[in-house]
Amino acid sequence: MSVRWFGFGIVLGLLLLGTAAWGQRHRDPFTPAEIDQIRDASWEPQQRLSLYLKFARARLAALQQMRSDPKTKNRPQQTHDALDDFLLIYDELNDNIDTYVDRKNDIRKPLKLVIDADTEFQAKLRALKDAADVPPEEAQKYEFVLTNTLDTLDTSAEEHRKLLAEQEEAGKHGKKYSKASGGKSE
């Protein structure tokens, strides 16, 4: 009898772990319309990366609007979720940059837009981190995701600048890029 209860306990434990893991999964930060736009631009680095920047900018604008609205309920959790959505979109942007680099696409032009956006995003998020009017107990609820987002932005901005320099140097030396990039062909 105790063996059967032991087996039942293992099954119950696995179910609880599976339920907890499922509950911790991130929601998709993109709307169905945004997903369609991204899919339609899959082979166009300039267009696709611009879309990611547009969506990331929109999340930060919504965050700023929510935070300035005195009627906002549960501001710490909404701030956390908005930052998480922004970070998920920004991570997708970086994944796409990696994909285009692997394809040997010329992404110098969109990289310049990304680098400008990096600076803009860093300034907005640093302003949130340094906001004097935020009670410490509120800031504590989203401090981890904000710090993680800023760290990701800082690292990515440096990598984006380095990648642009590499692509510009390769372009000076006659490096050929694939046709899908809208750049030079091989």
C-alpha atoms as a PDB file:
ATOM      1  CA  MET A   1       0.000   0.000   0.000  1.00  0.00           C
ATOM      2  CA  SER A   2       2.788   2.479   0.821  1.00  0.00           C
ATOM      3  CA  VAL A   3       4.407   1.854  -2.599  1.00  0.00           C
ATOM      4  CA  ARG A   4       1.162   2.905  -4.291  1.00  0.00           C
ATOM      5  CA  TRP A   5       1.030   6.110  -2.223  1.00  0.00           C
ATOM      6  CA  PHE A   6       4.662   6.759  -3.032  1.00  0.00           C
ATOM      7  CA  GLY A   7       3.918   6.425  -6.765  1.00  0.00           C
ATOM      8  CA  PHE A   8       0.881   8.667  -6.370  1.00  0.00           C
ATOM      9  CA  GLY A   9       3.061  11.260  -4.604  1.00  0.00           C
ATOM     10  CA  ILE A  10       5.586  11.224  -7.443  1.00  0.00           C
ATOM     11  CA  VAL A  11       2.853  11.676 -10.068  1.00  0.00           C
ATOM     12  CA  LEU A  12       1.251  14.468  -8.050  1.00  0.00           C
ATOM     13  CA  GLY A  13       4.629  16.170  -7.604  1.00  0.00           C
ATOM     14  CA  LEU A  14       5.352  16.008 -11.332  1.00  0.00           C
ATOM     15  CA  LEU A  15       1.930  17.463 -12.114  1.00  0.00           C
ATOM     16  CA  LEU A  16       2.508  20.324  -9.704  1.00  0.00           C
ATOM     17  CA  LEU A  17       5.951  21.027 -11.171  1.00  0.00           C
ATOM     18  CA  GLY A  18       4.538  20.975 -14.688  1.00  0.00           C
ATOM     19  CA  THR A  19       1.727  23.339 -13.705  1.00  0.00           C
ATOM     20  CA  ALA A  20       4.178  25.716 -12.019  1.00  0.00           C
ATOM     21  CA  ALA A  21       6.472  25.722 -15.047  1.00  0.00           C
ATOM     22  CA  TRP A  22       3.537  26.354 -17.368  1.00  0.00           C
ATOM     23  CA  GLY A  23       2.400  29.287 -15.228  1.00  0.00           C
ATOM     24  CA  GLN A  24       5.863  30.855 -15.394  1.00  0.00           C
ATOM     25  CA  ARG A  25       6.028  30.861 -19.187  1.00  0.00           C
ATOM     26  CA  HIS A  26       6.145  34.283 -20.757  1.00  0.00           C
ATOM     27  CA  ARG A  27       3.158  35.537 -22.606  1.00  0.00           C
ATOM     28  CA  ASP A  28       3.722  36.559 -26.203  1.00  0.00           C
ATOM     29  CA  PRO A  29       4.508  40.287 -26.226  1.00  0.00           C
ATOM     30  CA  PHE A  30       3.303  40.639 -29.828  1.00  0.00           C
ATOM     31  CA  THR A  31      -0.239  41.236 -31.044  1.00  0.00           C
ATOM     32  CA  PRO A  32      -1.518  39.053 -33.909  1.00  0.00           C
ATOM     33  CA  ALA A  33      -1.214  42.042 -36.275  1.00  0.00           C
ATOM     34  CA  GLU A  34       2.417  42.583 -35.211  1.00  0.00           C
ATOM     35  CA  ILE A  35       3.178  38.897 -35.747  1.00  0.00           C
ATOM     36  CA  ASP A  36       1.787  39.161 -39.288  1.00  0.00           C
ATOM     37  CA  GLN A  37       3.927  42.223 -40.010  1.00  0.00           C
ATOM     38  CA  ILE A  38       7.051  40.496 -38.726  1.00  0.00           C
ATOM     39  CA  ARG A  39       6.323  37.382 -40.758  1.00  0.00           C
ATOM     40  CA  ASP A  40       5.781  39.443 -43.929  1.00  0.00           C
ATOM     41  CA  ALA A  41       9.157  41.152 -43.482  1.00  0.00           C
ATOM     42  CA  SER A  42      11.199  38.021 -42.759  1.00  0.00           C
ATOM     43  CA  TRP A  43      13.643  38.459 -45.649  1.00  0.00           C
ATOM     44  CA  GLU A  44      13.991  42.215 -45.439  1.00  0.00           C
ATOM     45  CA  PRO A  45      16.415  43.156 -42.638  1.00  0.00           C
ATOM     46  CA  GLN A  46      15.741  46.896 -42.858  1.00  0.00           C
ATOM     47  CA  GLN A  47      11.983  46.450 -42.639  1.00  0.00           C
ATOM     48  CA  ARG A  48      11.990  43.678 -40.050  1.00  0.00           C
ATOM     49  CA  LEU A  49      14.459  45.320 -37.661  1.00  0.00           C
ATOM     50  CA  SER A  50      12.560  48.603 -38.010  1.00  0.00           C
ATOM     51  CA  LEU A  51       9.393  46.778 -36.957  1.00  0.00           C
ATOM     52  CA  TYR A  52      11.058  45.423 -33.820  1.00  0.00           C
ATOM     53  CA  LEU A  53      12.233  48.937 -32.972  1.00  0.00           C
ATOM     54  CA  LYS A  54       8.735  50.306 -33.562  1.00  0.00           C
ATOM     55  CA  PHE A  55       7.180  47.660 -31.289  1.00  0.00           C
ATOM     56  CA  ALA A  56       9.807  48.159 -28.556  1.00  0.00           C
ATOM     57  CA  ARG A  57       9.250  51.934 -28.715  1.00  0.00           C
ATOM     58  CA  ALA A  58       5.506  51.405 -28.434  1.00  0.00           C
ATOM     59  CA  ARG A  59       5.969  49.279 -25.292  1.00  0.00           C
ATOM     60  CA  LEU A  60       8.103  51.971 -23.671  1.00  0.00           C
ATOM     61  CA  ALA A  61       5.575  54.668 -24.629  1.00  0.00           C
ATOM     62  CA  ALA A  62       2.758  52.586 -23.126  1.00  0.00           C
ATOM     63  CA  LEU A  63       4.870  52.081 -20.000  1.00  0.00           C
ATOM     64  CA  GLN A  64       5.462  55.807 -19.640  1.00  0.00           C
ATOM     65  CA  GLN A  65       1.774  56.563 -20.219  1.00  0.00           C
ATOM     66  CA  MET A  66       0.677  53.942 -17.675  1.00  0.00           C
ATOM     67  CA  ARG A  67       3.127  55.239 -15.082  1.00  0.00           C
ATOM     68  CA  SER A  68       1.942  58.832 -15.499  1.00  0.00           C
ATOM     69  CA  ASP A  69      -1.746  57.911 -15.173  1.00  0.00           C
ATOM     70  CA  PRO A  70      -2.846  58.477 -11.543  1.00  0.00           C
ATOM     71  CA  LYS A  71      -5.717  55.992 -12.022  1.00  0.00           C
ATOM     72  CA  THR A  72      -3.350  53.092 -12.727  1.00  0.00           C
ATOM     73  CA  LYS A  73      -3.994  50.133 -10.469  1.00  0.00           C
ATOM     74  CA  ASN A  74      -1.181  47.776  -9.456  1.00  0.00           C
ATOM     75  CA  ARG A  75       1.490  50.008 -11.000  1.00  0.00           C
ATOM     76  CA  PRO A  76       4.431  47.845  -9.802  1.00  0.00           C
ATOM     77  CA  GLN A  77       3.108  44.690 -11.504  1.00  0.00           C
ATOM     78  CA  GLN A  78       2.114  46.539 -14.670  1.00  0.00           C
ATOM     79  CA  THR A  79       5.572  48.144 -14.782  1.00  0.00           C
ATOM     80  CA  HIS A  80       7.184  44.724 -14.354  1.00  0.00           C
ATOM     81  CA  ASP A  81       5.057  43.214 -17.136  1.00  0.00           C
ATOM     82  CA  ALA A  82       5.698  46.125 -19.524  1.00  0.00           C
ATOM     83  CA  LEU A  83       9.446  45.884 -18.931  1.00  0.00           C
ATOM     84  CA  ASP A  84       9.286  42.131 -19.484  1.00  0.00           C
ATOM     85  CA  ASP A  85       7.423  42.639 -22.783  1.00  0.00           C
ATOM     86  CA  PHE A  86       9.968  45.228 -23.886  1.00  0.00           C
ATOM     87  CA  LEU A  87      12.835  42.865 -23.051  1.00  0.00           C
ATOM     88  CA  LEU A  88      11.232  39.974 -24.935  1.00  0.00           C
ATOM     89  CA  ILE A  89      10.854  42.165 -28.030  1.00  0.00           C
ATOM     90  CA  TYR A  90      14.399  43.469 -27.698  1.00  0.00           C
ATOM     91  CA  ASP A  91      15.702  39.898 -27.376  1.00  0.00           C
ATOM     92  CA  GLU A  92      13.834  39.026 -30.584  1.00  0.00           C
ATOM     93  CA  LEU A  93      15.499  42.007 -32.264  1.00  0.00           C
ATOM     94  CA  ASN A  94      18.905  40.687 -31.214  1.00  0.00           C
ATOM     95  CA  ASP A  95      18.048  37.156 -32.378  1.00  0.00           C
ATOM     96  CA  ASN A  96      17.122  38.572 -35.790  1.00  0.00           C
ATOM     97  CA  ILE A  97      20.351  40.558 -35.995  1.00  0.00           C
ATOM     98  CA  ASP A  98      22.236  37.318 -35.310  1.00  0.00           C
ATOM     99  CA  THR A  99      20.252  35.557 -38.037  1.00  0.00           C
ATOM    100  CA  TYR A 100      21.036  38.257 -40.600  1.00  0.00           C
ATOM    101  CA  VAL A 101      24.713  38.177 -39.659  1.00  0.00           C
ATOM    102  CA  ASP A 102      24.727  34.373 -40.053  1.00  0.00           C
ATOM    103  CA  ARG A 103      23.149  34.812 -43.508  1.00  0.00           C
ATOM    104  CA  LYS A 104      25.881  37.332 -44.317  1.00  0.00           C
ATOM    105  CA  ASN A 105      23.339  40.085 -44.940  1.00  0.00           C
ATOM    106  CA  ASP A 106      24.483  43.682 -45.173  1.00  0.00           C
ATOM    107  CA  ILE A 107      22.658  45.252 -42.222  1.00  0.00           C
ATOM    108  CA  ARG A 108      24.689  48.438 -41.872  1.00  0.00           C
ATOM    109  CA  LYS A 109      21.720  50.701 -42.571  1.00  0.00           C
ATOM    110  CA  PRO A 110      19.295  49.112 -40.080  1.00  0.00           C
ATOM    111  CA  LEU A 111      22.099  48.749 -37.520  1.00  0.00           C
ATOM    112  CA  LYS A 112      22.462  52.526 -37.469  1.00  0.00           C
ATOM    113  CA  LEU A 113      18.763  52.750 -36.567  1.00  0.00           C
ATOM    114  CA  VAL A 114      19.207  50.080 -33.893  1.00  0.00           C
ATOM    115  CA  ILE A 115      22.167  51.930 -32.364  1.00  0.00           C
ATOM    116  CA  ASP A 116      20.168  55.180 -32.222  1.00  0.00           C
ATOM    117  CA  ALA A 117      17.283  53.299 -30.599  1.00  0.00           C
ATOM    118  CA  ASP A 118      19.656  51.666 -28.090  1.00  0.00           C
ATOM    119  CA  THR A 119      20.645  55.130 -26.856  1.00  0.00           C
ATOM    120  CA  GLU A 120      17.004  56.250 -26.701  1.00  0.00           C
ATOM    121  CA  PHE A 121      15.907  53.111 -24.826  1.00  0.00           C
ATOM    122  CA  GLN A 122      18.796  53.362 -22.360  1.00  0.00           C
ATOM    123  CA  ALA A 123      17.905  56.982 -21.545  1.00  0.00           C
ATOM    124  CA  LYS A 124      14.223  56.184 -20.964  1.00  0.00           C
ATOM    125  CA  LEU A 125      14.940  53.186 -18.778  1.00  0.00           C
ATOM    126  CA  ARG A 126      17.615  54.995 -16.771  1.00  0.00           C
ATOM    127  CA  ALA A 127      15.083  57.776 -16.157  1.00  0.00           C
ATOM    128  CA  LEU A 128      12.688  55.162 -14.778  1.00  0.00           C
ATOM    129  CA  LYS A 129      15.418  53.679 -12.590  1.00  0.00           C
ATOM    130  CA  ASP A 130      16.421  57.114 -11.284  1.00  0.00           C
ATOM    131  CA  ALA A 131      12.866  58.417 -10.801  1.00  0.00           C
ATOM    132  CA  ALA A 132      12.770  60.151  -7.417  1.00  0.00           C
ATOM    133  CA  ASP A 133       8.991  59.960  -7.037  1.00  0.00           C
ATOM    134  CA  VAL A 134       8.843  56.148  -6.905  1.00  0.00           C
ATOM    135  CA  PRO A 135       8.419  54.650  -3.437  1.00  0.00           C
ATOM    136  CA  PRO A 136      11.175  52.097  -2.705  1.00  0.00           C
ATOM    137  CA  GLU A 137       8.666  49.306  -2.037  1.00  0.00           C
ATOM    138  CA  GLU A 138       7.177  49.885  -5.504  1.00  0.00           C
ATOM    139  CA  ALA A 139      10.531  50.015  -7.290  1.00  0.00           C
ATOM    140  CA  GLN A 140      11.615  46.828  -5.540  1.00  0.00           C
ATOM    141  CA  LYS A 141       8.853  44.893  -7.345  1.00  0.00           C
ATOM    142  CA  TYR A 142      10.299  45.576 -10.797  1.00  0.00           C
ATOM    143  CA  GLU A 143      13.920  46.380  -9.947  1.00  0.00           C
ATOM    144  CA  PHE A 144      15.251  42.991 -11.096  1.00  0.00           C
ATOM    145  CA  VAL A 145      13.641  43.089 -14.545  1.00  0.00           C
ATOM    146  CA  LEU A 146      14.632  46.752 -14.981  1.00  0.00           C
ATOM    147  CA  THR A 147      18.254  46.030 -14.061  1.00  0.00           C
ATOM    148  CA  ASN A 148      18.272  42.991 -16.356  1.00  0.00           C
ATOM    149  CA  THR A 149      16.813  45.058 -19.201  1.00  0.00           C
ATOM    150  CA  LEU A 150      19.392  47.813 -18.742  1.00  0.00           C
ATOM    151  CA  ASP A 151      22.221  45.269 -18.622  1.00  0.00           C
ATOM    152  CA  THR A 152      20.934  43.671 -21.823  1.00  0.00           C
ATOM    153  CA  LEU A 153      20.672  47.069 -23.510  1.00  0.00           C
ATOM    154  CA  ASP A 154      24.171  48.089 -22.434  1.00  0.00           C
ATOM    155  CA  THR A 155      25.741  44.851 -23.675  1.00  0.00           C
ATOM    156  CA  SER A 156      23.727  44.831 -26.888  1.00  0.00           C
ATOM    157  CA  ALA A 157      24.485  48.471 -27.688  1.00  0.00           C
ATOM    158  CA  GLU A 158      28.187  47.730 -27.454  1.00  0.00           C
ATOM    159  CA  GLU A 159      27.805  44.622 -29.648  1.00  0.00           C
ATOM    160  CA  HIS A 160      25.721  46.559 -32.192  1.00  0.00           C
ATOM    161  CA  ARG A 161      28.382  49.263 -32.494  1.00  0.00           C
ATOM    162  CA  LYS A 162      31.095  46.632 -32.861  1.00  0.00           C
ATOM    163  CA  LEU A 163      29.094  44.773 -35.517  1.00  0.00           C
ATOM    164  CA  LEU A 164      28.482  47.968 -37.464  1.00  0.00           C
ATOM    165  CA  ALA A 165      32.190  48.756 -37.417  1.00  0.00           C
ATOM    166  CA  GLU A 166      32.978  45.232 -38.648  1.00  0.00           C
ATOM    167  CA  GLN A 167      30.429  45.463 -41.462  1.00  0.00           C
ATOM    168  CA  GLU A 168      31.647  48.907 -42.500  1.00  0.00           C
ATOM    169  CA  GLU A 169      35.242  47.684 -42.541  1.00  0.00           C
ATOM    170  CA  ALA A 170      34.267  44.629 -44.594  1.00  0.00           C
ATOM    171  CA  GLY A 171      32.370  46.905 -47.000  1.00  0.00           C
ATOM    172  CA  LYS A 172      35.473  49.033 -47.511  1.00  0.00           C
ATOM    173  CA  HIS A 173      37.402  45.922 -48.503  1.00  0.00           C
ATOM    174  CA  GLY A 174      34.856  44.823 -51.080  1.00  0.00           C
ATOM    175  CA  LYS A 175      33.069  42.250 -48.936  1.00  0.00           C
ATOM    176  CA  LYS A 176      30.140  40.801 -50.834  1.00  0.00           C
ATOM    177  CA  TYR A 177      26.778  40.289 -49.144  1.00  0.00           C
ATOM    178  CA  SER A 178      23.849  38.081 -50.058  1.00  0.00           C
ATOM    179  CA  LYS A 179      21.106  39.361 -52.381  1.00  0.00           C
ATOM    180  CA  ALA A 180      18.401  39.000 -49.719  1.00  0.00           C
ATOM    181  CA  SER A 181      20.034  41.832 -47.816  1.00  0.00           C
ATOM    182  CA  GLY A 182      19.355  44.379 -50.477  1.00  0.00           C
ATOM    183  CA  GLY A 183      23.109  44.860 -50.453  1.00  0.00           C
ATOM    184  CA  LYS A 184      25.805  43.533 -52.712  1.00  0.00           C
ATOM    185  CA  SER A 185      25.476  40.055 -54.166  1.00  0.00           C
ATOM    186  CA  GLU A 186      27.968  37.242 -53.851  1.00  0.00           C
END
